[in-house]
Amino acid sequence: MTKLNLRPSPGYILIEPLEAETKTSSGIYLPENSSEKPQKGKIIAVGPSAFQDGQKIESPAKINEVVFYKKWGGNEVKIGGKDYLFVKFEDILATEA
């Protein structure tokens, strides 16, 4: 993994999306063009807490945790030839245990 020297804005998390599954649970291999966007990724950087309506909003996850995020949330960016995603704290649905 490349060390990125980025600090997301308050309320945002930088995620490195994990590769989409190319094989179904029953063992069928999917062609590359039929796979959907991944909704799972590893947290690379976390921005500071955000404030909304006077309430402090903390990050729901930490660096190096694997998270599931909303399918249509976030902003895609390409840094050093790799794809990353900036998502809001509220776009994180769950962390992998």
PDB file of N, CA and C in Angstrom:
ATOM      1  N   MET A   1       0.838  -1.186   0.000  1.00  0.00           N
ATOM      2  CA  MET A   1       0.000   0.000   0.000  1.00  0.00           C
ATOM      3  C   MET A   1       0.881   1.247   0.000  1.00  0.00           C
ATOM      4  N   THR A   2       0.507   2.207  -0.788  1.00  0.00           N
ATOM      5  CA  THR A   2       1.219   3.470  -0.862  1.00  0.00           C
ATOM      6  C   THR A   2       0.805   4.357   0.307  1.00  0.00           C
ATOM      7  N   LYS A   3       1.786   4.998   0.921  1.00  0.00           N
ATOM      8  CA  LYS A   3       1.483   5.932   2.003  1.00  0.00           C
ATOM      9  C   LYS A   3       0.993   7.232   1.378  1.00  0.00           C
ATOM     10  N   LEU A   4      -0.232   7.600   1.673  1.00  0.00           N
ATOM     11  CA  LEU A   4      -0.808   8.831   1.154  1.00  0.00           C
ATOM     12  C   LEU A   4      -0.679   9.917   2.204  1.00  0.00           C
ATOM     13  N   ASN A   5      -0.292  11.071   1.773  1.00  0.00           N
ATOM     14  CA  ASN A   5      -0.127  12.190   2.682  1.00  0.00           C
ATOM     15  C   ASN A   5      -1.358  13.098   2.572  1.00  0.00           C
ATOM     16  N   LEU A   6      -2.524  12.533   2.878  1.00  0.00           N
ATOM     17  CA  LEU A   6      -3.784  13.260   2.785  1.00  0.00           C
ATOM     18  C   LEU A   6      -4.504  13.235   4.112  1.00  0.00           C
ATOM     19  N   ARG A   7      -5.201  14.301   4.380  1.00  0.00           N
ATOM     20  CA  ARG A   7      -6.069  14.358   5.563  1.00  0.00           C
ATOM     21  C   ARG A   7      -7.435  14.816   5.077  1.00  0.00           C
ATOM     22  N   PRO A   8      -8.428  13.933   5.108  1.00  0.00           N
ATOM     23  CA  PRO A   8      -9.763  14.321   4.649  1.00  0.00           C
ATOM     24  C   PRO A   8     -10.331  15.484   5.455  1.00  0.00           C
ATOM     25  N   SER A   9     -11.235  16.206   4.853  1.00  0.00           N
ATOM     26  CA  SER A   9     -11.943  17.308   5.513  1.00  0.00           C
ATOM     27  C   SER A   9     -12.806  16.757   6.644  1.00  0.00           C
ATOM     28  N   PRO A  10     -13.231  17.621   7.577  1.00  0.00           N
ATOM     29  CA  PRO A  10     -14.086  17.155   8.675  1.00  0.00           C
ATOM     30  C   PRO A  10     -15.320  16.408   8.152  1.00  0.00           C
ATOM     31  N   GLY A  11     -15.576  15.248   8.748  1.00  0.00           N
ATOM     32  CA  GLY A  11     -16.748  14.467   8.397  1.00  0.00           C
ATOM     33  C   GLY A  11     -16.541  13.500   7.242  1.00  0.00           C
ATOM     34  N   TYR A  12     -15.308  13.393   6.730  1.00  0.00           N
ATOM     35  CA  TYR A  12     -15.035  12.513   5.590  1.00  0.00           C
ATOM     36  C   TYR A  12     -13.994  11.453   5.908  1.00  0.00           C
ATOM     37  N   ILE A  13     -14.090  10.337   5.184  1.00  0.00           N
ATOM     38  CA  ILE A  13     -13.176   9.210   5.310  1.00  0.00           C
ATOM     39  C   ILE A  13     -12.667   8.872   3.915  1.00  0.00           C
ATOM     40  N   LEU A  14     -11.371   8.534   3.798  1.00  0.00           N
ATOM     41  CA  LEU A  14     -10.795   8.091   2.534  1.00  0.00           C
ATOM     42  C   LEU A  14     -10.719   6.568   2.564  1.00  0.00           C
ATOM     43  N   ILE A  15     -11.313   5.932   1.552  1.00  0.00           N
ATOM     44  CA  ILE A  15     -11.397   4.475   1.486  1.00  0.00           C
ATOM     45  C   ILE A  15     -10.714   3.969   0.223  1.00  0.00           C
ATOM     46  N   GLU A  16      -9.992   2.861   0.366  1.00  0.00           N
ATOM     47  CA  GLU A  16      -9.467   2.139  -0.788  1.00  0.00           C
ATOM     48  C   GLU A  16     -10.439   0.985  -1.049  1.00  0.00           C
ATOM     49  N   PRO A  17     -11.249   1.067  -2.120  1.00  0.00           N
ATOM     50  CA  PRO A  17     -12.221  -0.001  -2.383  1.00  0.00           C
ATOM     51  C   PRO A  17     -11.515  -1.338  -2.607  1.00  0.00           C
ATOM     52  N   LEU A  18     -12.102  -2.400  -2.062  1.00  0.00           N
ATOM     53  CA  LEU A  18     -11.579  -3.740  -2.282  1.00  0.00           C
ATOM     54  C   LEU A  18     -12.139  -4.265  -3.591  1.00  0.00           C
ATOM     55  N   GLU A  19     -11.440  -5.189  -4.187  1.00  0.00           N
ATOM     56  CA  GLU A  19     -11.868  -5.757  -5.471  1.00  0.00           C
ATOM     57  C   GLU A  19     -13.235  -6.414  -5.338  1.00  0.00           C
ATOM     58  N   ALA A  20     -14.062  -6.239  -6.365  1.00  0.00           N
ATOM     59  CA  ALA A  20     -15.380  -6.870  -6.387  1.00  0.00           C
ATOM     60  C   ALA A  20     -15.205  -8.373  -6.567  1.00  0.00           C
ATOM     61  N   GLU A  21     -16.126  -9.122  -6.001  1.00  0.00           N
ATOM     62  CA  GLU A  21     -16.091 -10.575  -6.130  1.00  0.00           C
ATOM     63  C   GLU A  21     -16.249 -10.972  -7.589  1.00  0.00           C
ATOM     64  N   THR A  22     -15.441 -11.928  -8.044  1.00  0.00           N
ATOM     65  CA  THR A  22     -15.549 -12.416  -9.415  1.00  0.00           C
ATOM     66  C   THR A  22     -16.124 -13.827  -9.458  1.00  0.00           C
ATOM     67  N   LYS A  23     -16.476 -14.349  -8.286  1.00  0.00           N
ATOM     68  CA  LYS A  23     -17.015 -15.700  -8.196  1.00  0.00           C
ATOM     69  C   LYS A  23     -18.192 -15.689  -7.230  1.00  0.00           C
ATOM     70  N   THR A  24     -19.303 -16.300  -7.634  1.00  0.00           N
ATOM     71  CA  THR A  24     -20.471 -16.358  -6.764  1.00  0.00           C
ATOM     72  C   THR A  24     -20.278 -17.415  -5.687  1.00  0.00           C
ATOM     73  N   SER A  25     -21.160 -17.435  -4.701  1.00  0.00           N
ATOM     74  CA  SER A  25     -21.060 -18.422  -3.618  1.00  0.00           C
ATOM     75  C   SER A  25     -21.241 -19.843  -4.131  1.00  0.00           C
ATOM     76  N   SER A  26     -21.911 -20.002  -5.273  1.00  0.00           N
ATOM     77  CA  SER A  26     -22.096 -21.344  -5.838  1.00  0.00           C
ATOM     78  C   SER A  26     -20.949 -21.744  -6.758  1.00  0.00           C
ATOM     79  N   GLY A  27     -19.934 -20.869  -6.922  1.00  0.00           N
ATOM     80  CA  GLY A  27     -18.753 -21.221  -7.689  1.00  0.00           C
ATOM     81  C   GLY A  27     -18.744 -20.748  -9.130  1.00  0.00           C
ATOM     82  N   ILE A  28     -19.729 -19.965  -9.529  1.00  0.00           N
ATOM     83  CA  ILE A  28     -19.781 -19.462 -10.901  1.00  0.00           C
ATOM     84  C   ILE A  28     -18.911 -18.211 -11.004  1.00  0.00           C
ATOM     85  N   TYR A  29     -18.033 -18.189 -12.021  1.00  0.00           N
ATOM     86  CA  TYR A  29     -17.178 -17.022 -12.246  1.00  0.00           C
ATOM     87  C   TYR A  29     -17.925 -15.998 -13.081  1.00  0.00           C
ATOM     88  N   LEU A  30     -17.849 -14.744 -12.646  1.00  0.00           N
ATOM     89  CA  LEU A  30     -18.533 -13.655 -13.335  1.00  0.00           C
ATOM     90  C   LEU A  30     -17.561 -12.940 -14.263  1.00  0.00           C
ATOM     91  N   PRO A  31     -18.026 -12.548 -15.466  1.00  0.00           N
ATOM     92  CA  PRO A  31     -17.144 -11.765 -16.333  1.00  0.00           C
ATOM     93  C   PRO A  31     -16.869 -10.403 -15.710  1.00  0.00           C
ATOM     94  N   GLU A  32     -15.713  -9.830 -16.029  1.00  0.00           N
ATOM     95  CA  GLU A  32     -15.288  -8.574 -15.415  1.00  0.00           C
ATOM     96  C   GLU A  32     -16.278  -7.441 -15.648  1.00  0.00           C
ATOM     97  N   ASN A  33     -16.891  -7.377 -16.823  1.00  0.00           N
ATOM     98  CA  ASN A  33     -17.793  -6.273 -17.131  1.00  0.00           C
ATOM     99  C   ASN A  33     -19.163  -6.405 -16.469  1.00  0.00           C
ATOM    100  N   SER A  34     -19.474  -7.544 -15.861  1.00  0.00           N
ATOM    101  CA  SER A  34     -20.771  -7.700 -15.209  1.00  0.00           C
ATOM    102  C   SER A  34     -20.729  -7.392 -13.717  1.00  0.00           C
ATOM    103  N   SER A  35     -19.533  -7.225 -13.174  1.00  0.00           N
ATOM    104  CA  SER A  35     -19.437  -6.999 -11.734  1.00  0.00           C
ATOM    105  C   SER A  35     -19.862  -5.576 -11.386  1.00  0.00           C
ATOM    106  N   GLU A  36     -20.478  -5.445 -10.224  1.00  0.00           N
ATOM    107  CA  GLU A  36     -20.925  -4.140  -9.741  1.00  0.00           C
ATOM    108  C   GLU A  36     -19.789  -3.454  -9.001  1.00  0.00           C
ATOM    109  N   LYS A  37     -20.012  -2.173  -8.732  1.00  0.00           N
ATOM    110  CA  LYS A  37     -19.044  -1.427  -7.940  1.00  0.00           C
ATOM    111  C   LYS A  37     -18.928  -2.073  -6.563  1.00  0.00           C
ATOM    112  N   PRO A  38     -17.698  -2.163  -6.042  1.00  0.00           N
ATOM    113  CA  PRO A  38     -17.571  -2.711  -4.688  1.00  0.00           C
ATOM    114  C   PRO A  38     -18.207  -1.781  -3.668  1.00  0.00           C
ATOM    115  N   GLN A  39     -18.699  -2.351  -2.579  1.00  0.00           N
ATOM    116  CA  GLN A  39     -19.275  -1.566  -1.491  1.00  0.00           C
ATOM    117  C   GLN A  39     -18.521  -1.849  -0.205  1.00  0.00           C
ATOM    118  N   LYS A  40     -17.304  -2.339  -0.355  1.00  0.00           N
ATOM    119  CA  LYS A  40     -16.488  -2.721   0.783  1.00  0.00           C
ATOM    120  C   LYS A  40     -15.087  -2.184   0.530  1.00  0.00           C
ATOM    121  N   GLY A  41     -14.466  -1.627   1.575  1.00  0.00           N
ATOM    122  CA  GLY A  41     -13.128  -1.090   1.392  1.00  0.00           C
ATOM    123  C   GLY A  41     -12.396  -0.909   2.704  1.00  0.00           C
ATOM    124  N   LYS A  42     -11.115  -0.599   2.565  1.00  0.00           N
ATOM    125  CA  LYS A  42     -10.247  -0.399   3.719  1.00  0.00           C
ATOM    126  C   LYS A  42     -10.046   1.100   3.935  1.00  0.00           C
ATOM    127  N   ILE A  43     -10.171   1.527   5.180  1.00  0.00           N
ATOM    128  CA  ILE A  43     -10.016   2.942   5.503  1.00  0.00           C
ATOM    129  C   ILE A  43      -8.533   3.306   5.478  1.00  0.00           C
ATOM    130  N   ILE A  44      -8.221   4.348   4.708  1.00  0.00           N
ATOM    131  CA  ILE A  44      -6.854   4.822   4.547  1.00  0.00           C
ATOM    132  C   ILE A  44      -6.599   6.050   5.419  1.00  0.00           C
ATOM    133  N   ALA A  45      -7.588   6.940   5.516  1.00  0.00           N
ATOM    134  CA  ALA A  45      -7.439   8.167   6.317  1.00  0.00           C
ATOM    135  C   ALA A  45      -8.809   8.613   6.823  1.00  0.00           C
ATOM    136  N   VAL A  46      -8.817   9.256   7.987  1.00  0.00           N
ATOM    137  CA  VAL A  46     -10.055   9.728   8.599  1.00  0.00           C
ATOM    138  C   VAL A  46      -9.920  11.213   8.908  1.00  0.00           C
ATOM    139  N   GLY A  47     -10.920  11.984   8.498  1.00  0.00           N
ATOM    140  CA  GLY A  47     -10.937  13.410   8.794  1.00  0.00           C
ATOM    141  C   GLY A  47     -11.354  13.660  10.233  1.00  0.00           C
ATOM    142  N   PRO A  48     -11.173  14.889  10.703  1.00  0.00           N
ATOM    143  CA  PRO A  48     -11.589  15.233  12.061  1.00  0.00           C
ATOM    144  C   PRO A  48     -13.113  15.166  12.223  1.00  0.00           C
ATOM    145  N   SER A  49     -13.551  15.204  13.453  1.00  0.00           N
ATOM    146  CA  SER A  49     -14.990  15.190  13.749  1.00  0.00           C
ATOM    147  C   SER A  49     -15.681  16.346  13.046  1.00  0.00           C
ATOM    148  N   ALA A  50     -16.946  16.128  12.706  1.00  0.00           N
ATOM    149  CA  ALA A  50     -17.745  17.170  12.068  1.00  0.00           C
ATOM    150  C   ALA A  50     -18.774  17.670  13.075  1.00  0.00           C
ATOM    151  N   PHE A  51     -19.309  18.850  12.822  1.00  0.00           N
ATOM    152  CA  PHE A  51     -20.366  19.400  13.662  1.00  0.00           C
ATOM    153  C   PHE A  51     -21.581  19.659  12.789  1.00  0.00           C
ATOM    154  N   GLN A  52     -22.738  19.167  13.253  1.00  0.00           N
ATOM    155  CA  GLN A  52     -23.987  19.363  12.518  1.00  0.00           C
ATOM    156  C   GLN A  52     -25.075  19.712  13.529  1.00  0.00           C
ATOM    157  N   ASP A  53     -25.718  20.845  13.331  1.00  0.00           N
ATOM    158  CA  ASP A  53     -26.761  21.315  14.238  1.00  0.00           C
ATOM    159  C   ASP A  53     -26.269  21.364  15.683  1.00  0.00           C
ATOM    160  N   GLY A  54     -25.010  21.753  15.862  1.00  0.00           N
ATOM    161  CA  GLY A  54     -24.445  21.866  17.200  1.00  0.00           C
ATOM    162  C   GLY A  54     -24.010  20.544  17.812  1.00  0.00           C
ATOM    163  N   GLN A  55     -24.180  19.446  17.093  1.00  0.00           N
ATOM    164  CA  GLN A  55     -23.803  18.113  17.586  1.00  0.00           C
ATOM    165  C   GLN A  55     -22.469  17.691  16.983  1.00  0.00           C
ATOM    166  N   LYS A  56     -21.603  17.131  17.798  1.00  0.00           N
ATOM    167  CA  LYS A  56     -20.328  16.620  17.315  1.00  0.00           C
ATOM    168  C   LYS A  56     -20.543  15.220  16.744  1.00  0.00           C
ATOM    169  N   ILE A  57     -20.070  15.000  15.511  1.00  0.00           N
ATOM    170  CA  ILE A  57     -20.220  13.697  14.853  1.00  0.00           C
ATOM    171  C   ILE A  57     -18.835  13.077  14.713  1.00  0.00           C
ATOM    172  N   GLU A  58     -18.643  11.940  15.376  1.00  0.00           N
ATOM    173  CA  GLU A  58     -17.365  11.225  15.356  1.00  0.00           C
ATOM    174  C   GLU A  58     -17.343  10.229  14.202  1.00  0.00           C
ATOM    175  N   SER A  59     -16.152   9.846  13.771  1.00  0.00           N
ATOM    176  CA  SER A  59     -15.994   8.831  12.742  1.00  0.00           C
ATOM    177  C   SER A  59     -16.494   7.480  13.270  1.00  0.00           C
ATOM    178  N   PRO A  60     -17.225   6.727  12.441  1.00  0.00           N
ATOM    179  CA  PRO A  60     -17.710   5.420  12.875  1.00  0.00           C
ATOM    180  C   PRO A  60     -16.658   4.319  12.772  1.00  0.00           C
ATOM    181  N   ALA A  61     -15.478   4.632  12.223  1.00  0.00           N
ATOM    182  CA  ALA A  61     -14.449   3.609  12.033  1.00  0.00           C
ATOM    183  C   ALA A  61     -13.068   4.236  12.093  1.00  0.00           C
ATOM    184  N   LYS A  62     -12.043   3.365  12.178  1.00  0.00           N
ATOM    185  CA  LYS A  62     -10.662   3.813  12.302  1.00  0.00           C
ATOM    186  C   LYS A  62      -9.844   3.391  11.087  1.00  0.00           C
ATOM    187  N   ILE A  63      -8.658   3.967  10.960  1.00  0.00           N
ATOM    188  CA  ILE A  63      -7.737   3.608   9.885  1.00  0.00           C
ATOM    189  C   ILE A  63      -7.444   2.110   9.935  1.00  0.00           C
ATOM    190  N   ASN A  64      -7.367   1.493   8.761  1.00  0.00           N
ATOM    191  CA  ASN A  64      -7.095   0.065   8.527  1.00  0.00           C
ATOM    192  C   ASN A  64      -8.290  -0.851   8.773  1.00  0.00           C
ATOM    193  N   GLU A  65      -9.418  -0.318   9.221  1.00  0.00           N
ATOM    194  CA  GLU A  65     -10.609  -1.148   9.356  1.00  0.00           C
ATOM    195  C   GLU A  65     -11.245  -1.340   7.976  1.00  0.00           C
ATOM    196  N   VAL A  66     -11.908  -2.483   7.798  1.00  0.00           N
ATOM    197  CA  VAL A  66     -12.645  -2.751   6.566  1.00  0.00           C
ATOM    198  C   VAL A  66     -14.103  -2.407   6.831  1.00  0.00           C
ATOM    199  N   VAL A  67     -14.683  -1.612   5.934  1.00  0.00           N
ATOM    200  CA  VAL A  67     -16.050  -1.135   6.125  1.00  0.00           C
ATOM    201  C   VAL A  67     -16.909  -1.420   4.893  1.00  0.00           C
ATOM    202  N   PHE A  68     -18.202  -1.427   5.116  1.00  0.00           N
ATOM    203  CA  PHE A  68     -19.191  -1.472   4.042  1.00  0.00           C
ATOM    204  C   PHE A  68     -19.785  -0.071   3.957  1.00  0.00           C
ATOM    205  N   TYR A  69     -19.955   0.431   2.739  1.00  0.00           N
ATOM    206  CA  TYR A  69     -20.464   1.785   2.561  1.00  0.00           C
ATOM    207  C   TYR A  69     -21.589   1.793   1.536  1.00  0.00           C
ATOM    208  N   LYS A  70     -22.335   2.900   1.508  1.00  0.00           N
ATOM    209  CA  LYS A  70     -23.479   3.035   0.608  1.00  0.00           C
ATOM    210  C   LYS A  70     -23.033   2.890  -0.840  1.00  0.00           C
ATOM    211  N   LYS A  71     -23.885   2.257  -1.621  1.00  0.00           N
ATOM    212  CA  LYS A  71     -23.567   1.976  -3.017  1.00  0.00           C
ATOM    213  C   LYS A  71     -23.349   3.240  -3.832  1.00  0.00           C
ATOM    214  N   TRP A  72     -24.151   4.242  -3.645  1.00  0.00           N
ATOM    215  CA  TRP A  72     -24.065   5.448  -4.457  1.00  0.00           C
ATOM    216  C   TRP A  72     -23.468   6.626  -3.705  1.00  0.00           C
ATOM    217  N   GLY A  73     -22.899   6.380  -2.546  1.00  0.00           N
ATOM    218  CA  GLY A  73     -22.295   7.457  -1.778  1.00  0.00           C
ATOM    219  C   GLY A  73     -20.853   7.686  -2.181  1.00  0.00           C
ATOM    220  N   GLY A  74     -20.322   8.816  -1.812  1.00  0.00           N
ATOM    221  CA  GLY A  74     -18.909   9.078  -1.978  1.00  0.00           C
ATOM    222  C   GLY A  74     -18.513   9.720  -3.287  1.00  0.00           C
ATOM    223  N   ASN A  75     -17.264  10.149  -3.319  1.00  0.00           N
ATOM    224  CA  ASN A  75     -16.667  10.781  -4.495  1.00  0.00           C
ATOM    225  C   ASN A  75     -15.405  10.025  -4.867  1.00  0.00           C
ATOM    226  N   GLU A  76     -15.377   9.507  -6.091  1.00  0.00           N
ATOM    227  CA  GLU A  76     -14.235   8.740  -6.560  1.00  0.00           C
ATOM    228  C   GLU A  76     -13.097   9.675  -6.963  1.00  0.00           C
ATOM    229  N   VAL A  77     -11.866   9.289  -6.597  1.00  0.00           N
ATOM    230  CA  VAL A  77     -10.673  10.022  -6.996  1.00  0.00           C
ATOM    231  C   VAL A  77      -9.607   9.013  -7.404  1.00  0.00           C
ATOM    232  N   LYS A  78      -8.713   9.425  -8.281  1.00  0.00           N
ATOM    233  CA  LYS A  78      -7.593   8.580  -8.687  1.00  0.00           C
ATOM    234  C   LYS A  78      -6.324   9.272  -8.215  1.00  0.00           C
ATOM    235  N   ILE A  79      -5.539   8.559  -7.400  1.00  0.00           N
ATOM    236  CA  ILE A  79      -4.299   9.112  -6.852  1.00  0.00           C
ATOM    237  C   ILE A  79      -3.191   8.111  -7.137  1.00  0.00           C
ATOM    238  N   GLY A  80      -2.182   8.543  -7.858  1.00  0.00           N
ATOM    239  CA  GLY A  80      -1.062   7.649  -8.174  1.00  0.00           C
ATOM    240  C   GLY A  80      -1.491   6.416  -8.937  1.00  0.00           C
ATOM    241  N   GLY A  81      -2.506   6.540  -9.788  1.00  0.00           N
ATOM    242  CA  GLY A  81      -2.974   5.415 -10.584  1.00  0.00           C
ATOM    243  C   GLY A  81      -3.923   4.469  -9.871  1.00  0.00           C
ATOM    244  N   LYS A  82      -4.226   4.722  -8.603  1.00  0.00           N
ATOM    245  CA  LYS A  82      -5.148   3.874  -7.841  1.00  0.00           C
ATOM    246  C   LYS A  82      -6.446   4.618  -7.584  1.00  0.00           C
ATOM    247  N   ASP A  83      -7.534   3.865  -7.526  1.00  0.00           N
ATOM    248  CA  ASP A  83      -8.845   4.447  -7.240  1.00  0.00           C
ATOM    249  C   ASP A  83      -9.097   4.480  -5.746  1.00  0.00           C
ATOM    250  N   TYR A  84      -9.612   5.613  -5.282  1.00  0.00           N
ATOM    251  CA  TYR A  84      -9.992   5.796  -3.886  1.00  0.00           C
ATOM    252  C   TYR A  84     -11.370   6.435  -3.850  1.00  0.00           C
ATOM    253  N   LEU A  85     -11.940   6.496  -2.660  1.00  0.00           N
ATOM    254  CA  LEU A  85     -13.276   7.038  -2.502  1.00  0.00           C
ATOM    255  C   LEU A  85     -13.330   7.872  -1.222  1.00  0.00           C
ATOM    256  N   PHE A  86     -13.809   9.108  -1.332  1.00  0.00           N
ATOM    257  CA  PHE A  86     -14.080   9.929  -0.156  1.00  0.00           C
ATOM    258  C   PHE A  86     -15.547   9.764   0.181  1.00  0.00           C
ATOM    259  N   VAL A  87     -15.865   9.324   1.397  1.00  0.00           N
ATOM    260  CA  VAL A  87     -17.260   9.168   1.820  1.00  0.00           C
ATOM    261  C   VAL A  87     -17.489   9.943   3.111  1.00  0.00           C
ATOM    262  N   LYS A  88     -18.724  10.350   3.321  1.00  0.00           N
ATOM    263  CA  LYS A  88     -19.102  11.017   4.567  1.00  0.00           C
ATOM    264  C   LYS A  88     -19.221   9.967   5.671  1.00  0.00           C
ATOM    265  N   PHE A  89     -19.066  10.411   6.895  1.00  0.00           N
ATOM    266  CA  PHE A  89     -19.205   9.507   8.040  1.00  0.00           C
ATOM    267  C   PHE A  89     -20.514   8.728   7.965  1.00  0.00           C
ATOM    268  N   GLU A  90     -21.613   9.415   7.600  1.00  0.00           N
ATOM    269  CA  GLU A  90     -22.920   8.750   7.610  1.00  0.00           C
ATOM    270  C   GLU A  90     -23.103   7.752   6.465  1.00  0.00           C
ATOM    271  N   ASP A  91     -22.176   7.721   5.496  1.00  0.00           N
ATOM    272  CA  ASP A  91     -22.246   6.754   4.409  1.00  0.00           C
ATOM    273  C   ASP A  91     -21.677   5.392   4.792  1.00  0.00           C
ATOM    274  N   ILE A  92     -21.051   5.295   5.961  1.00  0.00           N
ATOM    275  CA  ILE A  92     -20.515   4.018   6.434  1.00  0.00           C
ATOM    276  C   ILE A  92     -21.673   3.226   7.038  1.00  0.00           C
ATOM    277  N   LEU A  93     -21.894   2.022   6.522  1.00  0.00           N
ATOM    278  CA  LEU A  93     -22.999   1.194   6.982  1.00  0.00           C
ATOM    279  C   LEU A  93     -22.595   0.219   8.084  1.00  0.00           C
ATOM    280  N   ALA A  94     -21.367  -0.321   8.008  1.00  0.00           N
ATOM    281  CA  ALA A  94     -20.925  -1.303   8.994  1.00  0.00           C
ATOM    282  C   ALA A  94     -19.425  -1.481   8.900  1.00  0.00           C
ATOM    283  N   THR A  95     -18.829  -1.992   9.973  1.00  0.00           N
ATOM    284  CA  THR A  95     -17.421  -2.387   9.953  1.00  0.00           C
ATOM    285  C   THR A  95     -17.360  -3.902  10.004  1.00  0.00           C
ATOM    286  N   GLU A  96     -16.321  -4.442   9.383  1.00  0.00           N
ATOM    287  CA  GLU A  96     -16.172  -5.903   9.367  1.00  0.00           C
ATOM    288  C   GLU A  96     -15.542  -6.353  10.675  1.00  0.00           C
ATOM    289  N   ALA A  97     -16.140  -7.348  11.278  1.00  0.00           N
ATOM    290  CA  ALA A  97     -15.648  -7.843  12.568  1.00  0.00           C
ATOM    291  C   ALA A  97     -14.509  -8.815  12.406  1.00  0.00           C
TER     292      ALA A  97
END
